Protein backbone atom coordinates (compact mmCIF):
# COMPACT_ATOMS: atom_id res chain seq x y z
CA MET A 1 -0.04 0.31 -0.11
CA GLN A 2 1.30 3.81 -0.38
CA ASN A 3 2.38 5.87 1.83
CA PRO A 4 -0.20 8.65 2.22
CA TYR A 5 2.34 10.95 3.55
CA LEU A 6 4.19 10.54 0.34
CA LEU A 7 3.43 13.13 -2.29
CA PRO A 8 5.16 12.18 -5.81
CA LEU A 9 5.77 15.16 -7.71
CA ARG A 10 5.66 15.38 -11.58
CA SER A 11 7.62 17.80 -13.61
CA PRO A 12 9.09 17.90 -17.34
CA ARG A 13 12.54 15.99 -16.71
CA LEU A 14 15.60 17.62 -18.02
CA LYS A 15 18.28 15.22 -19.95
CA LEU A 16 21.64 14.80 -17.42
CA GLY A 17 23.54 15.96 -20.39
CA ASP A 18 21.82 19.98 -20.55
CA PHE A 19 22.92 20.36 -16.88
CA GLU A 20 25.98 22.07 -15.60
CA PRO A 21 27.15 20.20 -12.80
CA SER A 22 30.40 21.75 -12.87
CA SER A 23 29.64 25.16 -13.72
CA VAL A 24 30.16 28.41 -11.41
CA ALA A 25 27.87 30.27 -13.53
CA ALA A 26 24.80 27.37 -13.42
CA PHE A 27 25.07 27.18 -9.58
CA GLU A 28 25.58 30.74 -9.21
CA ARG A 29 22.50 31.20 -10.69
CA ALA A 30 20.77 28.42 -8.97
CA LEU A 31 21.60 30.06 -5.56
CA ARG A 32 20.69 33.19 -6.35
CA THR A 33 17.06 31.48 -7.15
CA ALA A 34 16.76 29.99 -4.12
CA ILE A 35 17.81 32.82 -1.83
CA ARG A 36 15.06 34.82 -3.59
CA PHE A 37 12.52 32.90 -1.97
CA ARG A 38 11.71 34.18 1.52
CA SER A 39 11.16 31.00 2.98
CA ILE A 40 10.88 31.96 6.45
CA SER A 41 10.04 29.32 9.14
CA ALA A 42 10.24 31.44 12.49
CA ASP A 43 7.15 33.31 11.78
CA ALA A 44 4.04 30.94 11.60
CA ASN A 45 1.04 33.60 11.34
CA HIS A 46 2.57 34.97 8.63
CA SER A 47 1.03 33.62 5.24
CA ASN A 48 3.03 35.05 2.61
CA TYR A 49 6.21 33.32 4.14
CA ARG A 50 4.73 29.72 4.57
CA ASP A 51 3.24 30.80 0.33
CA GLU A 52 6.97 31.44 0.03
CA SER A 53 8.53 28.63 2.04
CA PHE A 54 6.48 26.04 -0.11
CA ARG A 55 7.50 27.88 -3.00
CA CYS A 56 10.67 27.30 -2.45
CA ALA A 57 10.22 23.85 -1.43
CA ARG A 58 8.70 23.17 -4.80
CA TRP A 59 11.50 24.65 -6.45
CA PHE A 60 14.16 22.63 -5.01
CA SER A 61 11.63 19.41 -5.62
CA HIS A 62 11.54 19.71 -9.62
CA LEU A 63 15.36 20.74 -10.06
CA LEU A 64 15.99 17.24 -8.08
CA GLU A 65 13.57 15.42 -10.00
CA SER A 66 14.68 17.54 -13.32
CA LEU A 67 18.24 15.34 -12.43
CA GLY A 68 16.44 12.25 -12.02
CA ALA A 69 15.65 11.63 -8.23
CA ASP A 70 12.78 10.03 -7.16
CA VAL A 71 11.28 13.05 -4.97
CA ARG A 72 8.57 13.41 -2.75
CA MET A 73 7.53 16.04 -0.50
CA VAL A 74 5.73 15.33 3.24
CA GLN A 75 3.96 17.09 5.39
CA SER A 76 2.95 15.34 8.77
CA ILE A 77 1.81 18.53 10.97
CA ASP A 78 -0.32 20.86 9.37
CA GLY A 79 0.45 24.79 8.73
CA LYS A 80 4.07 23.39 8.80
CA ASN A 81 6.69 23.94 6.15
CA PRO A 82 6.89 20.56 4.03
CA LEU A 83 9.72 18.24 3.86
CA VAL A 84 11.69 17.00 0.81
CA LEU A 85 12.55 13.85 0.18
CA ALA A 86 14.93 13.16 -2.74
CA ARG A 87 16.67 9.51 -3.69
CA PHE A 88 19.23 8.86 -6.44
CA ALA A 89 19.77 5.50 -6.96
CA ASP A 90 22.85 4.16 -8.05
CA VAL A 91 24.50 7.04 -8.09
CA LEU A 92 28.05 4.76 -7.52
CA VAL A 93 27.96 1.27 -8.60
CA ARG A 94 31.43 -0.63 -7.86
CA THR A 95 32.47 -3.93 -8.70
CA ARG A 96 34.55 -6.51 -7.64
CA THR A 97 35.98 -10.25 -8.23
CA GLN A 98 34.47 -12.45 -5.74
CA SER A 99 37.41 -14.04 -4.50
CA SER A 100 35.92 -15.62 -1.14
CA SER A 101 32.13 -16.02 -0.14
CA ALA A 102 33.79 -14.83 3.70
CA HIS A 103 34.17 -11.47 2.40
CA THR A 104 31.02 -11.20 0.96
CA PRO A 105 28.64 -8.49 1.96
CA GLN A 106 24.93 -9.10 2.41
CA GLY A 107 23.04 -9.17 -0.53
CA ILE A 108 21.28 -11.46 -2.64
CA THR A 109 22.34 -13.41 -5.37
CA PHE A 110 20.48 -13.94 -9.06
CA PRO A 111 21.83 -15.21 -12.43
CA LEU A 112 23.47 -12.75 -15.10
CA ASN A 113 24.06 -14.17 -18.40
CA GLY A 114 25.18 -17.68 -17.05
CA HIS A 115 26.83 -16.15 -14.13
CA ASN A 116 26.16 -15.00 -10.84
CA GLU A 117 26.08 -11.43 -9.14
CA THR A 118 25.89 -10.18 -6.04
CA CYS A 119 24.44 -7.07 -4.90
CA HIS A 120 24.71 -5.04 -1.44
CA ARG A 121 22.85 -1.70 -1.35
CA GLN A 122 24.48 1.36 0.91
CA ASN A 123 22.64 4.82 1.42
CA ILE A 124 24.69 8.08 1.90
CA VAL A 125 22.01 10.31 3.71
CA PHE A 126 22.21 14.02 3.67
CA TYR A 127 20.28 16.54 5.60
CA GLY A 128 20.40 19.86 5.07
CA HIS A 129 17.14 22.94 5.68
CA TYR A 130 15.78 24.87 2.83
CA ASP A 131 13.78 27.31 5.64
CA VAL A 132 15.72 30.55 6.89
CA VAL A 133 15.82 32.74 9.96
CA PRO A 134 14.31 36.75 9.20
CA ALA A 135 16.52 39.30 7.18
CA PHE A 136 15.75 43.19 7.00
CA ARG A 137 18.80 45.58 5.55
CA ASP A 138 18.48 47.60 8.11
CA GLU A 139 19.58 45.21 10.82
CA GLY A 140 23.50 45.98 9.08
CA TRP A 141 23.09 44.40 5.95
CA LEU A 142 24.96 46.00 2.97
CA TYR A 143 22.82 44.64 0.66
CA GLU A 144 19.17 43.32 0.21
CA PRO A 145 19.20 40.18 1.96
CA PHE A 146 16.97 38.49 -0.05
CA ASP A 147 18.93 39.05 -3.21
CA LEU A 148 22.31 37.21 -4.04
CA HIS A 149 25.54 39.54 -4.20
CA VAL A 150 28.78 38.41 -5.12
CA VAL A 151 31.76 40.32 -3.95
CA ASP A 152 35.43 39.46 -4.36
CA GLY A 153 34.33 35.86 -4.55
CA TYR A 154 31.95 35.43 -1.16
CA PHE A 155 28.48 34.72 -2.04
CA TYR A 156 26.15 37.20 0.23
CA GLY A 157 22.42 36.54 0.75
CA ARG A 158 20.17 34.90 3.69
CA GLY A 159 20.49 31.83 3.47
CA ALA A 160 23.69 31.37 1.05
CA THR A 161 26.01 29.99 3.84
CA ASP A 162 22.97 28.85 6.09
CA ASN A 163 21.52 26.41 4.55
CA LYS A 164 20.75 26.78 0.97
CA GLY A 165 24.05 26.84 -0.33
CA PRO A 166 25.09 23.64 1.21
CA ILE A 167 22.13 22.13 -0.14
CA LEU A 168 22.92 23.17 -3.57
CA SER A 169 26.68 21.89 -3.06
CA MET A 170 25.75 18.79 -2.45
CA ILE A 171 23.23 18.52 -5.52
CA PHE A 172 25.41 19.83 -7.71
CA ALA A 173 27.88 16.94 -6.66
CA VAL A 174 25.78 14.27 -7.14
CA ALA A 175 24.79 15.46 -10.60
CA ASP A 176 28.43 15.86 -11.14
CA LEU A 177 29.04 12.14 -10.31
CA LEU A 178 25.75 11.56 -12.30
CA GLN A 179 27.33 13.23 -15.24
CA GLN A 180 30.34 10.98 -15.18
CA ARG A 181 28.52 7.63 -14.88
CA LEU A 182 26.56 8.89 -18.30
CA GLN A 183 29.85 9.41 -19.69
CA SER A 184 31.20 5.80 -18.76
CA THR A 185 28.40 4.28 -20.25
CA THR A 186 28.06 6.31 -23.21
CA SER A 187 31.79 5.85 -24.23
CA GLY A 188 31.63 2.52 -26.27
CA VAL A 189 32.43 0.09 -23.47
CA GLN A 190 29.55 -1.72 -22.89
CA HIS A 191 30.01 -3.39 -18.62
CA SER A 192 27.00 -5.67 -17.17
CA THR A 193 27.14 -2.94 -14.64
CA SER A 194 26.81 0.92 -14.49
CA GLU A 195 30.73 1.38 -13.24
CA ILE A 196 32.41 4.19 -11.72
CA ILE A 197 36.03 2.42 -10.92
CA SER A 198 38.64 5.10 -10.16
CA LYS A 199 42.31 3.63 -10.16
CA SER A 200 42.75 5.56 -7.08
CA ASP A 201 40.50 3.05 -5.10
CA THR A 202 42.75 0.88 -3.03
CA ASP A 203 39.32 -0.23 -1.01
CA GLN A 204 37.93 -4.03 -0.76
CA TYR A 205 35.74 -2.83 -3.72
CA ALA A 206 38.41 -1.81 -5.85
CA MET A 207 38.73 -3.73 -9.42
CA THR A 208 41.27 -6.74 -9.00
CA ASN A 209 41.35 -8.50 -11.95
CA ASP A 210 41.51 -5.41 -14.68
CA LEU A 211 42.33 -4.97 -18.46
CA GLU A 212 46.31 -3.56 -18.72
CA GLY A 213 45.90 -1.71 -15.51
CA THR A 214 42.83 0.52 -16.88
CA GLY A 215 40.56 -0.63 -14.26
CA ARG A 216 38.11 -2.01 -16.58
CA PRO A 217 37.36 -5.74 -16.60
CA LYS A 218 38.34 -8.53 -18.87
CA PHE A 219 35.61 -9.30 -21.40
CA GLU A 220 34.94 -12.49 -23.19
CA PRO A 221 35.35 -11.86 -27.07
CA ASP A 222 31.69 -12.76 -27.80
CA SER A 223 29.09 -12.60 -25.33
CA GLY A 224 30.46 -9.27 -23.74
CA SER A 225 30.32 -10.34 -20.67
CA PRO A 226 33.45 -10.55 -17.59
CA VAL A 227 34.62 -13.89 -17.03
CA PHE A 228 34.57 -13.25 -13.12
CA ASP A 229 31.56 -13.49 -11.43
CA PRO A 230 30.72 -9.65 -10.39
CA LEU A 231 29.79 -7.93 -6.64
CA VAL A 232 28.19 -5.24 -6.99
CA LEU A 233 28.16 -2.44 -4.38
CA SER A 234 25.49 0.25 -5.19
CA THR A 235 25.29 3.40 -3.52
CA ASP A 236 22.38 5.69 -3.55
CA VAL A 237 22.17 9.17 -2.20
CA VAL A 238 19.02 10.24 -0.30
CA LEU A 239 18.47 14.20 0.36
CA VAL A 240 16.48 15.05 3.45
CA LEU A 241 15.55 18.75 3.15
CA ASP A 242 13.78 20.24 5.99
CA GLY A 243 11.57 23.00 6.25
CA GLU A 244 11.35 23.78 9.67
CA GLY A 245 15.15 23.65 10.51
CA GLU A 246 15.29 26.98 11.99
CA ALA A 247 12.31 26.34 13.75
CA ALA A 248 13.24 23.31 16.18
CA SER A 249 12.33 21.11 13.20
CA ALA A 250 8.75 20.87 14.47
CA GLY A 251 7.34 17.71 12.65
CA PHE A 252 10.56 16.31 11.44
CA HIS A 253 10.41 13.06 13.96
CA GLU A 254 6.70 12.41 12.73
CA ALA A 255 7.56 12.77 9.30
CA ILE A 256 10.86 10.30 9.07
CA THR A 257 8.73 8.19 10.81
CA THR A 258 6.85 7.70 8.12
CA VAL A 259 8.99 7.23 5.47
CA LYS A 260 11.93 5.54 6.81
CA GLU A 261 11.01 2.14 4.76
CA TRP A 262 10.99 4.80 1.47
CA ILE A 263 14.51 5.71 2.38
CA ALA A 264 15.99 2.72 2.43
CA GLY A 265 14.67 2.19 -0.29
CA ASN A 266 12.61 -1.11 0.82
CA ASP A 267 8.80 0.67 -0.24
CA THR A 268 6.43 0.49 -3.22
CA ALA A 269 7.61 3.61 -4.70
CA ARG A 270 10.59 2.28 -6.03
CA GLN A 271 9.19 -0.19 -7.76
CA SER A 272 7.32 1.98 -9.89
CA GLN A 273 10.27 3.82 -10.26
CA ASP A 274 11.49 0.58 -12.17
CA ALA A 275 8.95 -0.04 -14.19
CA SER A 276 10.91 1.20 -17.37
CA LYS A 277 13.79 -1.51 -16.41
CA SER A 278 13.89 -4.71 -18.31
CA GLU A 279 12.71 -7.80 -16.62
CA ARG A 280 16.43 -9.31 -15.26
CA GLU A 281 16.68 -5.48 -13.78
CA ARG A 282 13.60 -5.12 -12.34
CA THR A 283 13.76 -8.82 -10.59
CA SER A 284 17.46 -7.71 -8.97
CA SER A 285 16.06 -4.45 -8.06
CA SER A 286 12.78 -6.24 -6.32
CA ARG A 287 15.10 -8.76 -4.89
CA THR A 288 17.91 -6.45 -3.14
CA ASN A 289 18.19 -6.19 0.38
CA PRO A 290 16.99 -2.60 1.81
CA ALA A 291 19.66 -0.47 1.11
CA GLU A 292 22.29 0.28 4.60
CA THR A 293 22.63 3.77 5.79
CA VAL A 294 26.65 3.77 5.95
CA CYS A 295 26.51 7.82 6.52
CA ILE A 296 24.55 10.75 7.22
CA LEU A 297 25.67 13.99 5.77
CA HIS A 298 24.91 17.15 8.26
CA ALA A 299 25.18 20.46 6.10
CA ASN A 300 24.58 22.83 9.27
CA SER A 301 28.67 23.68 9.65
CA LEU A 302 31.85 25.27 8.53
CA TRP A 303 35.14 25.04 6.56
CA VAL A 304 38.40 24.50 8.44
CA ASP A 305 39.02 28.30 6.57
CA ASP A 306 38.19 30.21 3.98
CA MET A 307 39.70 28.48 1.89
CA ARG A 308 39.88 24.84 2.65
CA PRO A 309 36.01 23.29 2.83
CA CYS A 310 35.86 20.34 5.27
CA ILE A 311 34.11 17.33 6.63
CA THR A 312 33.20 18.34 10.10
CA TYR A 313 34.20 15.39 11.86
CA GLY A 314 31.45 15.24 14.95
CA MET A 315 28.72 17.88 15.34
CA ARG A 316 27.02 18.86 18.61
CA GLY A 317 23.06 18.71 19.60
CA GLN A 318 21.93 21.65 21.91
CA VAL A 319 19.59 21.77 24.57
CA VAL A 320 18.83 25.82 25.32
CA LEU A 321 17.58 26.13 28.98
CA SER A 322 16.56 29.50 30.90
CA VAL A 323 16.82 30.39 34.59
CA GLN A 324 14.86 32.96 36.19
CA VAL A 325 16.33 34.33 39.71
CA THR A 326 13.64 36.22 41.48
CA GLY A 327 14.05 38.96 44.39
CA PRO A 328 11.91 41.56 46.01
CA ALA A 329 8.14 42.08 45.10
CA ARG A 330 8.90 44.80 42.93
CA ASN A 331 12.00 47.17 41.63
CA LEU A 332 14.04 49.08 44.00
CA HIS A 333 16.28 51.87 43.68
CA SER A 334 19.72 50.59 44.85
CA GLY A 335 20.12 54.18 46.34
CA PHE A 336 17.84 53.45 48.83
CA ASP A 337 18.23 50.02 49.26
CA GLY A 338 21.02 48.45 47.57
CA GLY A 339 23.41 46.62 50.17
CA ALA A 340 20.14 45.70 52.29
CA ILE A 341 19.12 42.75 50.18
CA VAL A 342 20.56 40.04 48.34
CA GLU A 343 20.17 41.25 44.95
CA PRO A 344 18.97 38.52 42.21
CA ALA A 345 21.69 39.96 39.82
CA VAL A 346 24.63 38.81 42.76
CA ASP A 347 22.84 35.69 43.27
CA LEU A 348 22.71 34.83 39.29
CA LEU A 349 26.25 35.85 38.59
CA ALA A 350 27.18 33.57 41.68
CA ILE A 351 25.70 30.88 39.66
CA LEU A 352 27.22 31.30 36.64
CA ALA A 353 30.57 31.81 38.50
CA THR A 354 30.16 27.86 38.95
CA LEU A 355 29.72 26.72 36.13
CA THR A 356 33.13 26.50 34.40
CA ASP A 357 36.80 27.46 35.08
CA SER A 358 38.49 30.62 34.11
CA LYS A 359 38.91 28.90 30.32
CA GLY A 360 35.37 28.25 29.76
CA THR A 361 35.28 24.73 30.40
CA PRO A 362 32.19 23.07 32.07
CA VAL A 363 33.12 21.70 35.84
CA VAL A 364 29.32 20.75 36.65
CA PRO A 365 29.63 17.15 38.23
CA GLY A 366 29.01 14.39 35.92
CA PHE A 367 28.83 16.87 32.95
CA PHE A 368 31.42 14.70 30.99
CA ASP A 369 30.24 11.42 32.55
CA GLU A 370 29.20 10.00 29.28
CA VAL A 371 31.47 11.24 26.95
CA ARG A 372 33.88 9.19 24.89
CA GLU A 373 37.23 10.06 24.61
CA LEU A 374 39.06 10.73 21.47
CA ILE A 375 41.09 7.54 20.21
CA PRO A 376 44.99 8.19 19.09
CA ARG A 377 44.29 7.82 15.82
CA GLU A 378 41.63 10.34 16.25
CA ARG A 379 43.54 13.18 17.22
CA ASP A 380 46.04 12.60 14.53
CA TRP A 381 43.26 13.11 11.77
CA TYR A 382 43.01 16.32 13.87
CA ALA A 383 46.43 17.40 13.96
CA ALA A 384 46.55 16.77 10.22
CA ILE A 385 44.73 19.30 9.30
CA GLY A 386 46.83 22.20 9.87
CA PHE A 387 44.28 24.04 11.48
CA ASP A 388 45.95 27.84 12.36
CA LYS A 389 44.53 29.33 15.70
CA SER A 390 46.02 32.76 14.32
CA ILE A 391 43.56 33.02 11.73
CA TYR A 392 40.76 32.06 13.63
CA MET A 393 41.60 34.45 16.12
CA LYS A 394 41.55 37.16 13.23
CA GLN A 395 38.53 35.50 12.10
CA LEU A 396 36.50 36.15 15.59
CA GLY A 397 38.10 39.36 16.78
CA VAL A 398 39.41 37.82 20.32
CA PRO A 399 42.40 38.66 22.18
CA ARG A 400 42.98 35.10 23.13
CA LEU A 401 41.57 31.17 22.91
CA ALA A 402 40.90 28.58 25.93
CA THR A 403 43.81 26.41 24.38
CA ASP A 404 46.95 27.20 22.67
CA SER A 405 46.52 23.73 20.93
CA GLU A 406 45.27 23.60 17.60
CA THR A 407 43.81 19.83 18.22
CA ASP A 408 42.37 20.72 21.06
CA LEU A 409 40.60 23.67 19.44
CA LEU A 410 39.09 21.64 16.62
CA HIS A 411 37.98 19.17 19.83
CA LYS A 412 36.37 21.57 21.28
CA ARG A 413 34.48 23.10 18.72
CA TRP A 414 33.78 19.58 17.22
CA SER A 415 34.03 16.77 19.54
CA GLN A 416 33.44 17.72 23.07
CA PRO A 417 30.62 19.18 24.64
CA CYS A 418 30.01 23.37 25.81
CA LEU A 419 28.48 25.16 28.17
CA SER A 420 27.67 28.94 27.07
CA VAL A 421 25.61 31.98 28.13
CA THR A 422 23.69 33.24 25.47
CA ASP A 423 21.69 36.06 27.23
CA LEU A 424 21.36 38.00 30.33
CA SER A 425 18.37 40.37 31.03
CA THR A 426 16.61 41.78 33.96
CA SER A 427 12.71 42.85 34.93
CA VAL A 428 13.76 46.75 34.44
CA ASP A 429 12.80 48.06 31.23
CA CYS A 430 15.16 50.74 30.36
CA ASN A 431 17.28 52.03 27.71
CA ALA A 432 19.88 54.26 29.82
CA GLU A 433 22.33 53.44 32.61
CA SER A 434 20.34 52.39 35.53
CA GLU A 435 19.86 52.53 39.26
CA ILE A 436 17.36 49.83 39.74
CA ILE A 437 17.71 46.74 41.34
CA GLY A 438 15.32 44.64 39.33
CA GLU A 439 13.50 42.33 40.91
CA GLU A 440 14.18 39.11 38.63
CA ARG A 441 17.14 38.46 36.30
CA LEU A 442 16.84 36.19 33.50
CA TRP A 443 19.49 33.92 32.07
CA ALA A 444 19.39 31.73 29.30
CA TYR A 445 22.63 29.30 28.37
CA GLN A 446 22.78 26.76 26.42
CA CYS A 447 24.56 23.27 26.14
CA CYS A 448 26.09 21.63 23.23
CA PHE A 449 25.97 17.51 23.50
CA LEU A 450 27.62 14.79 21.65
CA THR A 451 25.82 12.16 20.37
CA ASP A 452 27.20 9.41 22.55
CA SER A 453 25.67 10.53 25.64
CA ALA A 454 22.38 12.02 23.68
CA ILE A 455 21.75 9.09 22.13
CA ARG A 456 21.69 6.73 25.01
CA ALA A 457 19.83 9.11 27.50
CA SER A 458 17.40 9.49 24.70
CA ASN A 459 16.97 5.65 24.73
CA ASP A 460 16.85 5.38 28.63
CA ARG A 461 14.12 8.44 28.53
CA ASN A 462 11.98 6.52 25.90
CA SER A 463 12.40 2.72 26.85
CA ASP A 464 8.73 2.84 27.62
CA GLY A 465 7.82 4.08 23.92
CA SER A 466 7.18 7.57 24.61
CA LYS A 467 7.98 9.95 21.91
CA PRO A 468 11.08 11.91 22.14
CA THR A 469 10.72 15.71 22.82
CA SER A 470 12.88 18.08 21.08
């Protein structure tokens, strides 16, 4: 039965060859269009923003479908922006000799031209969000925030970095891989499967039986089939584009729950997508095990510096908490009552002083108890990056950092919990210097946690089957 939450789209499909995935100009045109959508999720009561968000979702959906993706839009909660899902099948297909069944991944075997072919499917899942937070020219923008401006090679516009630009970067990367696959299948060499084999491949899926070192398998002159039984590793790319990423991802858990089988490629939608394939291809697709998700990429991060893109090793979740400290029944004048009472602000500062040491490291008992330490190999990875702390300090405009070690800086940014005070406020409503002792002081702070402890805590809290809360 078709999942009622999966809404297939139908739009004219472009030929892949018409797309220029390596063109900076094409990327700029796409980003310019994406930024024009005021897909603001923070103001749910603004109908224009909601309409703009839906138009943005449809634009991304049609772009993805035109490149050959199987696309769905999911809206699990009324009044919230939809989730856009796209699956690119067989972006990478690699083959190697089946030298031993002990090294064969989980999969199924079916006849192929008198031989046996074992197919193992895997998913790479990419998360991004197409919604943005409000932006207005009078808030300090040099340019209209919803018009893309390119200055000295930098793109300026709401969503250029967070998060429409990274989404389009991933789409263009997948399109480039598909373009390479298309070129490889039209180069005059007919393969039993569509292969993308790199000469640099040295992993367990690299070709071991090649033709004069070219990385292509040897073929029998008459049959056009490889002389060995190939093992096929097929990689799909699944894009999950959130429409409420700036609004606590409302409805995300519910939506993902309804489509998890679709993401794994284990539903009727894939069978309908394969209807145009040959009988043998349909047989292989329908008998293949669901894809195993081997990697989840999160686009909401930063490069190491302005010149080097990177895959951030580690991503911290966050919890935002607020504390209210109360004192007198009303605001008092410090000239009359100062020193005679215990003031809320003084109590609040005393509490803050107990949370971290002088360098900002949390000293709350138990804060690091469930955090896994970096193993030596991971520290070696950090050290090999060559992170320049002086450039980092200049970018931030700070005179000093919490540590002098570049490796420790990356560890603190990527894979160590932190506790940050993000706001201090008072009940006194005054724009000038105040002599008033406020009746209350408000404090907001944010804790960033690692997945090791967060997942374990989430599992513990929901062992009774209850739904986790954000």
